[in-house]
């Protein structure tokens, strides 16, 4: 689902779109929310109403990894990256681990 597909889906499914909008955190920028909303919309068919909290948690893990550089277990990161396949985040920040920074410092 591309950004255009997301917009089309929202136009055609107003009730679902309004429900998904309630999941936006007040701290989320428009860029952050658009990416997380796309993640939710792409994966909501795989989660029924009782599992919506799991989907929202996974969407936050993915967004936190992309936008804040948060680290999670390898298994969890693989799962959310697979779920987010095809989502394009323009100008996403690039993070380096402490070990990467220390290795670069030692090489000088």
N, C-alpha and C. Protein backbone atom coordinates (compact mmCIF):
# COMPACT_ATOMS: atom_id res chain seq x y z
N UNK A 1 0.86 -1.17 0.00
CA UNK A 1 0.00 0.00 0.00
C UNK A 1 0.90 1.23 0.00
N UNK A 2 0.87 1.97 -1.07
CA UNK A 2 1.67 3.19 -1.16
C UNK A 2 0.93 4.33 -0.49
N UNK A 3 1.60 5.49 -0.39
CA UNK A 3 0.96 6.65 0.21
C UNK A 3 -0.33 6.99 -0.53
N UNK A 4 -0.33 6.86 -1.85
CA UNK A 4 -1.53 7.13 -2.64
C UNK A 4 -2.62 6.12 -2.29
N UNK A 5 -2.22 4.84 -2.15
CA UNK A 5 -3.18 3.81 -1.78
C UNK A 5 -3.79 4.08 -0.41
N UNK A 6 -2.97 4.56 0.53
CA UNK A 6 -3.45 4.89 1.86
C UNK A 6 -4.50 5.99 1.76
N UNK A 7 -4.20 7.03 1.01
CA UNK A 7 -5.16 8.13 0.83
C UNK A 7 -6.46 7.62 0.21
N UNK A 8 -6.36 6.77 -0.80
CA UNK A 8 -7.55 6.20 -1.43
C UNK A 8 -8.34 5.36 -0.45
N UNK A 9 -7.64 4.53 0.33
CA UNK A 9 -8.30 3.69 1.32
C UNK A 9 -9.06 4.54 2.32
N UNK A 10 -8.41 5.60 2.79
CA UNK A 10 -9.04 6.49 3.78
C UNK A 10 -10.29 7.14 3.20
N UNK A 11 -10.22 7.58 1.96
CA UNK A 11 -11.38 8.20 1.31
C UNK A 11 -12.54 7.22 1.17
N UNK A 12 -12.22 5.97 0.90
CA UNK A 12 -13.26 4.97 0.66
C UNK A 12 -13.76 4.30 1.94
N UNK A 13 -13.03 4.44 3.02
CA UNK A 13 -13.37 3.76 4.29
C UNK A 13 -13.32 4.76 5.44
N UNK A 14 -14.19 5.74 5.40
CA UNK A 14 -14.15 6.84 6.37
C UNK A 14 -14.29 6.34 7.82
N UNK A 15 -15.17 5.38 8.07
CA UNK A 15 -15.37 4.90 9.44
C UNK A 15 -14.11 4.26 9.99
N UNK A 16 -13.45 3.44 9.18
CA UNK A 16 -12.20 2.80 9.60
C UNK A 16 -11.13 3.87 9.80
N UNK A 17 -11.05 4.82 8.87
CA UNK A 17 -10.06 5.88 8.97
C UNK A 17 -10.25 6.70 10.24
N UNK A 18 -11.50 6.99 10.58
CA UNK A 18 -11.76 7.76 11.80
C UNK A 18 -11.37 6.97 13.04
N UNK A 19 -11.62 5.66 13.02
CA UNK A 19 -11.22 4.81 14.15
C UNK A 19 -9.70 4.81 14.29
N UNK A 20 -9.00 4.65 13.17
CA UNK A 20 -7.53 4.61 13.20
C UNK A 20 -6.98 5.94 13.70
N UNK A 21 -7.61 7.05 13.35
CA UNK A 21 -7.15 8.37 13.81
C UNK A 21 -7.15 8.47 15.33
N UNK A 22 -8.02 7.71 15.99
CA UNK A 22 -8.07 7.76 17.46
C UNK A 22 -6.82 7.15 18.08
N UNK A 23 -6.04 6.41 17.29
CA UNK A 23 -4.83 5.77 17.79
C UNK A 23 -3.62 6.70 17.77
N UNK A 24 -3.77 7.89 17.20
CA UNK A 24 -2.64 8.82 17.11
C UNK A 24 -2.31 9.38 18.50
N UNK A 25 -1.03 9.36 18.82
CA UNK A 25 -0.57 9.96 20.08
C UNK A 25 -0.39 11.46 19.90
N UNK A 26 -0.68 12.22 20.94
CA UNK A 26 -0.56 13.68 20.85
C UNK A 26 0.87 14.12 20.58
N UNK A 27 1.84 13.29 20.89
CA UNK A 27 3.26 13.62 20.70
C UNK A 27 3.74 13.34 19.27
N UNK A 28 2.94 12.68 18.46
CA UNK A 28 3.40 12.27 17.13
C UNK A 28 3.31 13.42 16.13
N UNK A 29 4.42 13.66 15.46
CA UNK A 29 4.41 14.65 14.38
C UNK A 29 3.60 14.08 13.22
N UNK A 30 3.28 14.93 12.27
CA UNK A 30 2.52 14.48 11.11
C UNK A 30 3.29 13.40 10.35
N UNK A 31 4.58 13.58 10.20
CA UNK A 31 5.43 12.60 9.49
C UNK A 31 5.43 11.26 10.23
N UNK A 32 5.60 11.32 11.52
CA UNK A 32 5.61 10.11 12.36
C UNK A 32 4.26 9.41 12.26
N UNK A 33 3.18 10.16 12.40
CA UNK A 33 1.85 9.57 12.39
C UNK A 33 1.51 8.98 11.02
N UNK A 34 1.83 9.67 9.95
CA UNK A 34 1.51 9.14 8.63
C UNK A 34 2.16 7.78 8.40
N UNK A 35 3.40 7.64 8.82
CA UNK A 35 4.10 6.35 8.67
C UNK A 35 3.47 5.29 9.56
N UNK A 36 3.19 5.62 10.81
CA UNK A 36 2.60 4.64 11.73
C UNK A 36 1.19 4.28 11.31
N UNK A 37 0.43 5.27 10.83
CA UNK A 37 -0.93 5.00 10.34
C UNK A 37 -0.87 4.01 9.17
N UNK A 38 0.08 4.22 8.26
CA UNK A 38 0.22 3.30 7.13
C UNK A 38 0.54 1.89 7.63
N UNK A 39 1.41 1.79 8.62
CA UNK A 39 1.74 0.49 9.21
C UNK A 39 0.47 -0.17 9.74
N UNK A 40 -0.33 0.57 10.47
CA UNK A 40 -1.57 0.03 11.05
C UNK A 40 -2.53 -0.41 9.95
N UNK A 41 -2.74 0.46 8.96
CA UNK A 41 -3.68 0.14 7.89
C UNK A 41 -3.23 -1.07 7.08
N UNK A 42 -1.93 -1.20 6.85
CA UNK A 42 -1.42 -2.33 6.08
C UNK A 42 -1.64 -3.66 6.80
N UNK A 43 -1.65 -3.62 8.12
CA UNK A 43 -1.66 -4.86 8.90
C UNK A 43 -2.95 -5.14 9.64
N UNK A 44 -3.92 -4.24 9.57
CA UNK A 44 -5.12 -4.41 10.39
C UNK A 44 -5.97 -5.61 10.00
N UNK A 45 -5.87 -6.07 8.77
CA UNK A 45 -6.65 -7.26 8.38
C UNK A 45 -6.15 -8.52 9.08
N UNK A 46 -4.91 -8.50 9.56
CA UNK A 46 -4.33 -9.66 10.23
C UNK A 46 -4.63 -9.69 11.73
N UNK A 47 -5.29 -8.65 12.24
CA UNK A 47 -5.57 -8.54 13.68
C UNK A 47 -7.04 -8.23 13.87
N UNK A 48 -7.73 -9.07 14.66
CA UNK A 48 -9.14 -8.78 14.92
C UNK A 48 -9.24 -7.77 16.06
N UNK A 49 -10.46 -7.39 16.39
CA UNK A 49 -10.70 -6.33 17.38
C UNK A 49 -10.01 -6.61 18.71
N UNK A 50 -10.01 -7.87 19.14
CA UNK A 50 -9.40 -8.22 20.43
C UNK A 50 -7.88 -8.10 20.40
N UNK A 51 -7.30 -8.08 19.20
CA UNK A 51 -5.84 -8.03 19.06
C UNK A 51 -5.33 -6.64 18.68
N UNK A 52 -6.20 -5.64 18.70
CA UNK A 52 -5.79 -4.31 18.24
C UNK A 52 -4.65 -3.75 19.10
N UNK A 53 -4.63 -4.07 20.38
CA UNK A 53 -3.54 -3.59 21.24
C UNK A 53 -2.19 -4.16 20.79
N UNK A 54 -2.19 -5.40 20.34
CA UNK A 54 -0.94 -5.99 19.83
C UNK A 54 -0.47 -5.26 18.58
N UNK A 55 -1.40 -4.98 17.68
CA UNK A 55 -1.04 -4.26 16.46
C UNK A 55 -0.52 -2.87 16.79
N UNK A 56 -1.17 -2.18 17.70
CA UNK A 56 -0.72 -0.83 18.08
C UNK A 56 0.66 -0.88 18.74
N UNK A 57 0.89 -1.88 19.55
CA UNK A 57 2.21 -2.04 20.18
C UNK A 57 3.29 -2.28 19.14
N UNK A 58 3.00 -3.14 18.18
CA UNK A 58 3.96 -3.41 17.11
C UNK A 58 4.21 -2.15 16.28
N UNK A 59 3.16 -1.38 16.03
CA UNK A 59 3.34 -0.15 15.25
C UNK A 59 4.22 0.84 16.01
N UNK A 60 4.07 0.91 17.32
CA UNK A 60 4.91 1.81 18.12
C UNK A 60 6.35 1.32 18.15
N UNK A 61 6.56 0.02 18.25
CA UNK A 61 7.93 -0.51 18.22
C UNK A 61 8.60 -0.16 16.91
N UNK A 62 7.89 -0.36 15.81
CA UNK A 62 8.45 -0.03 14.49
C UNK A 62 8.76 1.45 14.40
N UNK A 63 7.80 2.30 14.76
CA UNK A 63 8.00 3.75 14.67
C UNK A 63 9.12 4.21 15.60
N UNK A 64 9.18 3.66 16.80
CA UNK A 64 10.25 4.04 17.73
C UNK A 64 11.62 3.65 17.20
N UNK A 65 11.69 2.51 16.53
CA UNK A 65 12.95 2.09 15.94
C UNK A 65 13.35 3.02 14.80
N UNK A 66 12.40 3.34 13.93
CA UNK A 66 12.69 4.18 12.77
C UNK A 66 12.99 5.62 13.16
N UNK A 67 12.16 6.21 14.01
CA UNK A 67 12.27 7.64 14.29
C UNK A 67 13.14 7.98 15.49
N UNK A 68 13.25 7.06 16.45
CA UNK A 68 13.99 7.35 17.68
C UNK A 68 15.22 6.49 17.87
N UNK A 69 15.37 5.46 17.05
CA UNK A 69 16.53 4.59 17.16
C UNK A 69 16.44 3.59 18.30
N UNK A 70 15.25 3.35 18.83
CA UNK A 70 15.09 2.39 19.91
C UNK A 70 15.45 0.99 19.42
N UNK A 71 16.03 0.21 20.30
CA UNK A 71 16.46 -1.16 19.98
C UNK A 71 15.54 -2.14 20.68
N UNK A 72 15.26 -3.23 19.99
CA UNK A 72 14.43 -4.30 20.52
C UNK A 72 15.10 -5.63 20.16
N UNK A 73 14.51 -6.72 20.58
CA UNK A 73 15.08 -8.03 20.27
C UNK A 73 15.12 -8.22 18.75
N UNK A 74 16.03 -9.06 18.32
CA UNK A 74 16.18 -9.34 16.89
C UNK A 74 14.88 -9.88 16.31
N UNK A 75 14.23 -10.77 17.05
CA UNK A 75 12.98 -11.38 16.56
C UNK A 75 11.90 -10.32 16.36
N UNK A 76 11.77 -9.42 17.33
CA UNK A 76 10.74 -8.38 17.23
C UNK A 76 11.04 -7.43 16.07
N UNK A 77 12.29 -7.01 15.94
CA UNK A 77 12.65 -6.11 14.84
C UNK A 77 12.43 -6.76 13.48
N UNK A 78 12.74 -8.04 13.37
CA UNK A 78 12.49 -8.73 12.10
C UNK A 78 11.00 -8.75 11.79
N UNK A 79 10.19 -9.02 12.81
CA UNK A 79 8.73 -9.07 12.61
C UNK A 79 8.18 -7.72 12.16
N UNK A 80 8.54 -6.64 12.86
CA UNK A 80 7.96 -5.34 12.50
C UNK A 80 8.52 -4.83 11.18
N UNK A 81 9.76 -5.14 10.87
CA UNK A 81 10.30 -4.73 9.57
C UNK A 81 9.60 -5.46 8.44
N UNK A 82 9.28 -6.72 8.65
CA UNK A 82 8.52 -7.47 7.66
C UNK A 82 7.11 -6.87 7.50
N UNK A 83 6.50 -6.52 8.61
CA UNK A 83 5.16 -5.93 8.57
C UNK A 83 5.18 -4.56 7.88
N UNK A 84 6.30 -3.86 7.95
CA UNK A 84 6.41 -2.51 7.38
C UNK A 84 6.99 -2.50 5.98
N UNK A 85 7.22 -3.68 5.43
CA UNK A 85 7.85 -3.75 4.11
C UNK A 85 7.07 -2.91 3.10
N UNK A 86 7.80 -2.03 2.41
CA UNK A 86 7.18 -1.17 1.41
C UNK A 86 6.82 0.22 1.90
N UNK A 87 6.84 0.44 3.21
CA UNK A 87 6.55 1.77 3.73
C UNK A 87 7.80 2.62 3.56
N UNK A 88 7.64 3.75 2.92
CA UNK A 88 8.77 4.64 2.66
C UNK A 88 8.69 5.82 3.62
N UNK A 89 9.76 6.00 4.40
CA UNK A 89 9.85 7.14 5.31
C UNK A 89 10.96 8.03 4.77
N UNK A 90 10.57 9.17 4.25
CA UNK A 90 11.57 10.09 3.69
C UNK A 90 12.32 10.79 4.81
N UNK A 91 13.61 10.96 4.61
CA UNK A 91 14.49 11.65 5.57
C UNK A 91 14.44 11.03 6.96
N UNK A 92 14.37 9.69 7.01
CA UNK A 92 14.40 9.02 8.31
C UNK A 92 15.77 9.22 8.93
N UNK A 93 15.83 9.45 10.24
CA UNK A 93 17.14 9.62 10.89
C UNK A 93 17.96 8.34 10.82
N UNK A 94 19.27 8.50 10.87
CA UNK A 94 20.19 7.37 10.88
C UNK A 94 20.87 7.37 12.25
N UNK A 95 20.82 6.24 12.92
CA UNK A 95 21.37 6.14 14.27
C UNK A 95 22.57 5.22 14.28
N UNK A 96 23.53 5.56 15.14
CA UNK A 96 24.70 4.71 15.34
C UNK A 96 24.70 4.22 16.78
N UNK A 97 25.13 2.99 16.95
CA UNK A 97 25.21 2.45 18.30
C UNK A 97 26.46 3.00 18.99
N UNK A 98 26.49 2.88 20.28
CA UNK A 98 27.66 3.31 21.05
C UNK A 98 28.90 2.58 20.57
N UNK A 99 28.75 1.27 20.29
CA UNK A 99 29.89 0.48 19.81
C UNK A 99 30.42 1.00 18.48
N UNK A 100 29.54 1.40 17.57
CA UNK A 100 29.97 1.95 16.28
C UNK A 100 30.73 3.26 16.47
N UNK A 101 30.26 4.09 17.38
CA UNK A 101 30.91 5.37 17.65
C UNK A 101 32.28 5.13 18.29
N UNK A 102 32.37 4.23 19.25
CA UNK A 102 33.63 3.93 19.94
C UNK A 102 34.65 3.34 18.97
N UNK A 103 34.19 2.46 18.09
CA UNK A 103 35.10 1.85 17.12
C UNK A 103 35.69 2.91 16.20
N UNK A 104 34.86 3.87 15.79
CA UNK A 104 35.34 4.94 14.93
C UNK A 104 36.34 5.82 15.69
N UNK A 105 36.09 6.09 16.96
CA UNK A 105 37.00 6.89 17.79
C UNK A 105 38.35 6.19 17.96
N UNK A 106 38.33 4.88 18.15
CA UNK A 106 39.56 4.12 18.35
C UNK A 106 40.40 4.03 17.08
N UNK A 107 39.73 4.16 15.94
CA UNK A 107 40.45 4.09 14.67
C UNK A 107 41.23 5.35 14.34
N UNK A 108 41.01 6.39 15.09
CA UNK A 108 41.71 7.67 14.81
C UNK A 108 43.09 7.70 15.39
